[in-house]
Amino acid sequence: MYEHIQQWIAEFGYLTILVWTFIEGETVVIVAGVIAKLGQLELHWVMLAAFVGSLCGDQFYFFIGRFQGKKLLDRHPKWAKRVGWINDKLERHRDFLVLTFRFYYGIRNVTPFVIGASDIPTLRFLTLNMIGAAVWAVTFAGAGYLFGHAMEQFMGNMHHAQIYIIGTVVVIAFIVWLIMRYRRRAREAREASGS
């Protein structure tokens, strides 16, 4: 899968980042940051594409939540535990949750729906969402870029190290994906058994 991400970024560049981050995209942003360090993309454009994609995606999901939230959440009872956690955080730390939900594994995709279904004003969500998307884009693209820089320092000559850097990122991303997948399945199994 991660080889495809690298290929899509190489072929379609910033459009890949924009589209992927509309859905969810830490991995693509980190890989794009490494590729920016390799000189094949510009870091500021990677950050901008990640910002716009993430912002637009979360605004889209917010509006679905605003207009269809109750129906949507009722149709997905598997989300109940996460929705309860999100609603609890909304009551106690609303602004902080909107700023940081992108950084929480397991709730990132459902949070904008839940927030949209809440009473948070649209303009307030947009403002906080813009700040959160900017911090997220800079953080993950910057992390990828710094990782590429560290690998460059470690490997010495960048022209020979490109394949190793990208390969290492792909392997690490794949391991992270496997761990996340395992945890999700374990959580779903626990929820299904009623624990």
C-alpha atoms as a PDB file:
ATOM      1  CA  MET A   1       0.000   0.000   0.000  1.00  0.00           C
ATOM      2  CA  TYR A   2       2.720   2.470   0.952  1.00  0.00           C
ATOM      3  CA  GLU A   3       4.566   1.872  -2.298  1.00  0.00           C
ATOM      4  CA  HIS A   4       1.388   3.087  -4.002  1.00  0.00           C
ATOM      5  CA  ILE A   5       1.357   6.237  -1.874  1.00  0.00           C
ATOM      6  CA  GLN A   6       4.901   7.035  -2.950  1.00  0.00           C
ATOM      7  CA  GLN A   7       4.001   6.323  -6.580  1.00  0.00           C
ATOM      8  CA  TRP A   8       0.860   8.486  -6.433  1.00  0.00           C
ATOM      9  CA  ILE A   9       2.805  11.334  -4.858  1.00  0.00           C
ATOM     10  CA  ALA A  10       5.481  11.022  -7.539  1.00  0.00           C
ATOM     11  CA  GLU A  11       2.871  10.972 -10.304  1.00  0.00           C
ATOM     12  CA  PHE A  12       0.238  13.410  -9.050  1.00  0.00           C
ATOM     13  CA  GLY A  13       2.221  15.365  -6.437  1.00  0.00           C
ATOM     14  CA  TYR A  14       0.291  17.788  -4.306  1.00  0.00           C
ATOM     15  CA  LEU A  15      -3.088  16.587  -5.614  1.00  0.00           C
ATOM     16  CA  THR A  16      -2.460  13.201  -3.969  1.00  0.00           C
ATOM     17  CA  ILE A  17      -1.769  14.918  -0.660  1.00  0.00           C
ATOM     18  CA  LEU A  18      -4.867  17.099  -0.949  1.00  0.00           C
ATOM     19  CA  VAL A  19      -7.202  14.205  -1.806  1.00  0.00           C
ATOM     20  CA  TRP A  20      -5.704  11.764   0.698  1.00  0.00           C
ATOM     21  CA  THR A  21      -5.860  14.231   3.581  1.00  0.00           C
ATOM     22  CA  PHE A  22      -9.500  14.994   2.777  1.00  0.00           C
ATOM     23  CA  ILE A  23     -10.186  11.478   4.058  1.00  0.00           C
ATOM     24  CA  GLU A  24      -7.344  10.849   6.497  1.00  0.00           C
ATOM     25  CA  GLY A  25      -3.689  11.162   5.826  1.00  0.00           C
ATOM     26  CA  GLU A  26      -0.935  11.204   8.428  1.00  0.00           C
ATOM     27  CA  THR A  27       1.011   8.625   6.447  1.00  0.00           C
ATOM     28  CA  VAL A  28       0.806  10.432   3.127  1.00  0.00           C
ATOM     29  CA  VAL A  29       1.853  13.714   4.745  1.00  0.00           C
ATOM     30  CA  ILE A  30       4.867  12.122   6.437  1.00  0.00           C
ATOM     31  CA  VAL A  31       5.911  10.402   3.192  1.00  0.00           C
ATOM     32  CA  ALA A  32       5.422  13.681   1.310  1.00  0.00           C
ATOM     33  CA  GLY A  33       7.616  15.433   3.892  1.00  0.00           C
ATOM     34  CA  VAL A  34      10.387  12.917   3.248  1.00  0.00           C
ATOM     35  CA  ILE A  35       9.956  13.347  -0.507  1.00  0.00           C
ATOM     36  CA  ALA A  36      10.191  17.119  -0.009  1.00  0.00           C
ATOM     37  CA  LYS A  37      13.517  16.599   1.733  1.00  0.00           C
ATOM     38  CA  LEU A  38      14.617  14.589  -1.305  1.00  0.00           C
ATOM     39  CA  GLY A  39      13.899  17.686  -3.387  1.00  0.00           C
ATOM     40  CA  GLN A  40      11.012  16.254  -5.390  1.00  0.00           C
ATOM     41  CA  LEU A  41       8.350  18.405  -3.699  1.00  0.00           C
ATOM     42  CA  GLU A  42       8.378  21.785  -1.963  1.00  0.00           C
ATOM     43  CA  LEU A  43       7.758  21.497   1.779  1.00  0.00           C
ATOM     44  CA  HIS A  44       5.566  24.612   1.982  1.00  0.00           C
ATOM     45  CA  TRP A  45       3.300  23.248  -0.786  1.00  0.00           C
ATOM     46  CA  VAL A  46       3.129  19.869   0.980  1.00  0.00           C
ATOM     47  CA  MET A  47       2.014  21.675   4.139  1.00  0.00           C
ATOM     48  CA  LEU A  48      -0.516  23.775   2.240  1.00  0.00           C
ATOM     49  CA  ALA A  49      -2.004  20.765   0.414  1.00  0.00           C
ATOM     50  CA  ALA A  50      -2.247  18.852   3.709  1.00  0.00           C
ATOM     51  CA  PHE A  51      -3.834  21.860   5.422  1.00  0.00           C
ATOM     52  CA  VAL A  52      -6.437  22.411   2.687  1.00  0.00           C
ATOM     53  CA  GLY A  53      -7.286  18.708   2.347  1.00  0.00           C
ATOM     54  CA  SER A  54      -7.653  18.177   6.077  1.00  0.00           C
ATOM     55  CA  LEU A  55      -9.604  21.396   6.601  1.00  0.00           C
ATOM     56  CA  CYS A  56     -12.021  20.706   3.743  1.00  0.00           C
ATOM     57  CA  GLY A  57     -12.512  17.069   4.724  1.00  0.00           C
ATOM     58  CA  ASP A  58     -13.301  17.877   8.318  1.00  0.00           C
ATOM     59  CA  GLN A  59     -15.610  20.750   7.334  1.00  0.00           C
ATOM     60  CA  PHE A  60     -17.419  18.370   4.978  1.00  0.00           C
ATOM     61  CA  TYR A  61     -17.865  15.792   7.758  1.00  0.00           C
ATOM     62  CA  PHE A  62     -18.905  18.566  10.155  1.00  0.00           C
ATOM     63  CA  PHE A  63     -21.695  19.617   7.784  1.00  0.00           C
ATOM     64  CA  ILE A  64     -22.840  16.029   7.343  1.00  0.00           C
ATOM     65  CA  GLY A  65     -23.002  15.858  11.135  1.00  0.00           C
ATOM     66  CA  ARG A  66     -24.819  19.176  11.299  1.00  0.00           C
ATOM     67  CA  PHE A  67     -27.557  18.085   8.897  1.00  0.00           C
ATOM     68  CA  GLN A  68     -27.612  14.287   9.265  1.00  0.00           C
ATOM     69  CA  GLY A  69     -25.736  13.709  12.530  1.00  0.00           C
ATOM     70  CA  LYS A  70     -28.417  12.047  14.611  1.00  0.00           C
ATOM     71  CA  LYS A  71     -29.491   9.724  11.799  1.00  0.00           C
ATOM     72  CA  LEU A  72     -25.910   8.882  10.898  1.00  0.00           C
ATOM     73  CA  LEU A  73     -24.863   8.171  14.472  1.00  0.00           C
ATOM     74  CA  ASP A  74     -27.985   6.058  15.083  1.00  0.00           C
ATOM     75  CA  ARG A  75     -27.089   3.919  12.047  1.00  0.00           C
ATOM     76  CA  HIS A  76     -23.611   3.189  13.422  1.00  0.00           C
ATOM     77  CA  PRO A  77     -24.042   1.730  16.915  1.00  0.00           C
ATOM     78  CA  LYS A  78     -20.412   0.523  16.809  1.00  0.00           C
ATOM     79  CA  TRP A  79     -19.438   4.176  17.203  1.00  0.00           C
ATOM     80  CA  ALA A  80     -21.380   4.540  20.479  1.00  0.00           C
ATOM     81  CA  LYS A  81     -18.386   4.203  22.798  1.00  0.00           C
ATOM     82  CA  ARG A  82     -16.300   6.684  20.796  1.00  0.00           C
ATOM     83  CA  VAL A  83     -19.253   9.045  20.430  1.00  0.00           C
ATOM     84  CA  GLY A  84     -19.751   8.969  24.203  1.00  0.00           C
ATOM     85  CA  TRP A  85     -16.080   9.784  24.781  1.00  0.00           C
ATOM     86  CA  ILE A  86     -16.210  12.605  22.227  1.00  0.00           C
ATOM     87  CA  ASN A  87     -19.385  14.064  23.732  1.00  0.00           C
ATOM     88  CA  ASP A  88     -17.794  13.955  27.182  1.00  0.00           C
ATOM     89  CA  LYS A  89     -14.760  15.865  25.884  1.00  0.00           C
ATOM     90  CA  LEU A  90     -17.033  18.316  24.042  1.00  0.00           C
ATOM     91  CA  GLU A  91     -18.783  19.160  27.295  1.00  0.00           C
ATOM     92  CA  ARG A  92     -15.568  19.701  29.238  1.00  0.00           C
ATOM     93  CA  HIS A  93     -12.950  20.747  26.657  1.00  0.00           C
ATOM     94  CA  ARG A  94     -14.813  21.713  23.498  1.00  0.00           C
ATOM     95  CA  ASP A  95     -12.285  24.085  21.942  1.00  0.00           C
ATOM     96  CA  PHE A  96      -9.316  21.916  22.858  1.00  0.00           C
ATOM     97  CA  LEU A  97     -10.983  18.860  21.294  1.00  0.00           C
ATOM     98  CA  VAL A  98     -11.644  20.706  18.035  1.00  0.00           C
ATOM     99  CA  LEU A  99      -8.021  21.851  17.938  1.00  0.00           C
ATOM    100  CA  THR A 100      -6.534  18.427  18.655  1.00  0.00           C
ATOM    101  CA  PHE A 101      -8.867  15.637  17.476  1.00  0.00           C
ATOM    102  CA  ARG A 102      -6.671  14.968  14.418  1.00  0.00           C
ATOM    103  CA  PHE A 103      -3.975  13.701  16.734  1.00  0.00           C
ATOM    104  CA  TYR A 104      -6.158  11.058  18.469  1.00  0.00           C
ATOM    105  CA  TYR A 105      -6.158   7.607  16.940  1.00  0.00           C
ATOM    106  CA  GLY A 106      -9.550   5.980  16.722  1.00  0.00           C
ATOM    107  CA  ILE A 107     -11.710   9.104  16.856  1.00  0.00           C
ATOM    108  CA  ARG A 108     -10.334  11.287  14.082  1.00  0.00           C
ATOM    109  CA  ASN A 109     -12.910  10.385  11.447  1.00  0.00           C
ATOM    110  CA  VAL A 110     -16.002  10.316  13.646  1.00  0.00           C
ATOM    111  CA  THR A 111     -15.253  13.479  15.651  1.00  0.00           C
ATOM    112  CA  PRO A 112     -16.308  16.055  13.009  1.00  0.00           C
ATOM    113  CA  PHE A 113     -19.666  14.244  12.630  1.00  0.00           C
ATOM    114  CA  VAL A 114     -20.238  14.367  16.386  1.00  0.00           C
ATOM    115  CA  ILE A 115     -19.153  18.001  16.629  1.00  0.00           C
ATOM    116  CA  GLY A 116     -21.443  18.857  13.717  1.00  0.00           C
ATOM    117  CA  ALA A 117     -24.345  17.216  15.543  1.00  0.00           C
ATOM    118  CA  SER A 118     -23.577  19.300  18.647  1.00  0.00           C
ATOM    119  CA  ASP A 119     -24.487  22.922  19.306  1.00  0.00           C
ATOM    120  CA  ILE A 120     -21.034  24.331  18.503  1.00  0.00           C
ATOM    121  CA  PRO A 121     -21.442  27.314  16.160  1.00  0.00           C
ATOM    122  CA  THR A 122     -20.264  26.707  12.595  1.00  0.00           C
ATOM    123  CA  LEU A 123     -17.968  29.739  12.547  1.00  0.00           C
ATOM    124  CA  ARG A 124     -16.345  28.674  15.819  1.00  0.00           C
ATOM    125  CA  PHE A 125     -15.690  25.185  14.438  1.00  0.00           C
ATOM    126  CA  LEU A 126     -14.292  26.645  11.213  1.00  0.00           C
ATOM    127  CA  THR A 127     -11.920  28.945  13.098  1.00  0.00           C
ATOM    128  CA  LEU A 128     -10.657  26.232  15.441  1.00  0.00           C
ATOM    129  CA  ASN A 129     -10.553  23.710  12.597  1.00  0.00           C
ATOM    130  CA  MET A 130      -8.317  26.041  10.574  1.00  0.00           C
ATOM    131  CA  ILE A 131      -5.886  26.363  13.471  1.00  0.00           C
ATOM    132  CA  GLY A 132      -5.918  22.619  14.150  1.00  0.00           C
ATOM    133  CA  ALA A 133      -5.456  21.749  10.467  1.00  0.00           C
ATOM    134  CA  ALA A 134      -2.516  24.144  10.199  1.00  0.00           C
ATOM    135  CA  VAL A 135      -0.794  22.699  13.274  1.00  0.00           C
ATOM    136  CA  TRP A 136      -1.459  19.145  12.056  1.00  0.00           C
ATOM    137  CA  ALA A 137      -0.150  19.799   8.532  1.00  0.00           C
ATOM    138  CA  VAL A 138       3.009  21.527   9.745  1.00  0.00           C
ATOM    139  CA  THR A 139       3.617  18.841  12.388  1.00  0.00           C
ATOM    140  CA  PHE A 140       3.347  15.801  10.122  1.00  0.00           C
ATOM    141  CA  ALA A 141       4.969  17.308   7.027  1.00  0.00           C
ATOM    142  CA  GLY A 142       7.723  18.716   9.221  1.00  0.00           C
ATOM    143  CA  ALA A 143       8.190  15.341  10.922  1.00  0.00           C
ATOM    144  CA  GLY A 144       8.590  13.673   7.534  1.00  0.00           C
ATOM    145  CA  TYR A 145      11.022  16.344   6.408  1.00  0.00           C
ATOM    146  CA  LEU A 146      13.063  16.036   9.610  1.00  0.00           C
ATOM    147  CA  PHE A 147      13.042  12.269   9.295  1.00  0.00           C
ATOM    148  CA  GLY A 148      14.376  12.643   5.751  1.00  0.00           C
ATOM    149  CA  HIS A 149      17.025  15.029   7.046  1.00  0.00           C
ATOM    150  CA  ALA A 150      18.047  12.623   9.804  1.00  0.00           C
ATOM    151  CA  MET A 151      18.299   9.795   7.303  1.00  0.00           C
ATOM    152  CA  GLU A 152      20.351  12.025   5.012  1.00  0.00           C
ATOM    153  CA  GLN A 153      22.775  12.753   7.835  1.00  0.00           C
ATOM    154  CA  PHE A 154      22.893   9.110   8.779  1.00  0.00           C
ATOM    155  CA  MET A 155      23.392   7.840   5.247  1.00  0.00           C
ATOM    156  CA  GLY A 156      25.701  10.552   3.994  1.00  0.00           C
ATOM    157  CA  ASN A 157      25.185  10.985   0.276  1.00  0.00           C
ATOM    158  CA  MET A 158      21.512  11.732  -0.399  1.00  0.00           C
ATOM    159  CA  HIS A 159      21.513  10.491  -3.977  1.00  0.00           C
ATOM    160  CA  HIS A 160      22.376   6.989  -2.825  1.00  0.00           C
ATOM    161  CA  ALA A 161      20.220   7.152   0.280  1.00  0.00           C
ATOM    162  CA  GLN A 162      16.876   8.035  -1.352  1.00  0.00           C
ATOM    163  CA  ILE A 163      15.752   4.461  -1.798  1.00  0.00           C
ATOM    164  CA  TYR A 164      16.741   3.589   1.782  1.00  0.00           C
ATOM    165  CA  ILE A 165      14.958   6.602   3.215  1.00  0.00           C
ATOM    166  CA  ILE A 166      11.760   5.959   1.328  1.00  0.00           C
ATOM    167  CA  GLY A 167      11.989   2.246   2.066  1.00  0.00           C
ATOM    168  CA  THR A 168      12.467   2.922   5.771  1.00  0.00           C
ATOM    169  CA  VAL A 169       9.487   5.287   5.842  1.00  0.00           C
ATOM    170  CA  VAL A 170       7.373   2.702   4.042  1.00  0.00           C
ATOM    171  CA  VAL A 171       8.391  -0.045   6.476  1.00  0.00           C
ATOM    172  CA  ILE A 172       7.758   2.148   9.537  1.00  0.00           C
ATOM    173  CA  ALA A 173       4.418   3.316   8.155  1.00  0.00           C
ATOM    174  CA  PHE A 174       3.443  -0.286   7.413  1.00  0.00           C
ATOM    175  CA  ILE A 175       4.339  -1.364  10.957  1.00  0.00           C
ATOM    176  CA  VAL A 176       2.316   1.534  12.399  1.00  0.00           C
ATOM    177  CA  TRP A 177      -0.610   0.558  10.154  1.00  0.00           C
ATOM    178  CA  LEU A 178      -0.398  -3.077  11.318  1.00  0.00           C
ATOM    179  CA  ILE A 179      -0.355  -2.029  14.975  1.00  0.00           C
ATOM    180  CA  MET A 180      -3.314   0.313  14.470  1.00  0.00           C
ATOM    181  CA  ARG A 181      -5.200  -2.406  12.590  1.00  0.00           C
ATOM    182  CA  TYR A 182      -4.491  -4.944  15.347  1.00  0.00           C
ATOM    183  CA  ARG A 183      -5.633  -2.526  18.051  1.00  0.00           C
ATOM    184  CA  ARG A 184      -8.795  -1.647  16.125  1.00  0.00           C
ATOM    185  CA  ARG A 185      -9.683  -5.311  15.657  1.00  0.00           C
ATOM    186  CA  ALA A 186      -8.968  -6.068  19.309  1.00  0.00           C
ATOM    187  CA  ARG A 187     -11.164  -3.135  20.373  1.00  0.00           C
ATOM    188  CA  GLU A 188     -13.952  -4.245  18.027  1.00  0.00           C
ATOM    189  CA  ALA A 189     -13.716  -7.790  19.400  1.00  0.00           C
ATOM    190  CA  ARG A 190     -13.971  -6.459  22.966  1.00  0.00           C
ATOM    191  CA  GLU A 191     -16.953  -4.292  22.017  1.00  0.00           C
ATOM    192  CA  ALA A 192     -18.639  -7.214  20.267  1.00  0.00           C
ATOM    193  CA  SER A 193     -18.186  -9.435  23.328  1.00  0.00           C
ATOM    194  CA  GLY A 194     -19.618  -6.711  25.562  1.00  0.00           C
ATOM    195  CA  SER A 195     -16.494  -6.203  27.681  1.00  0.00           C
END
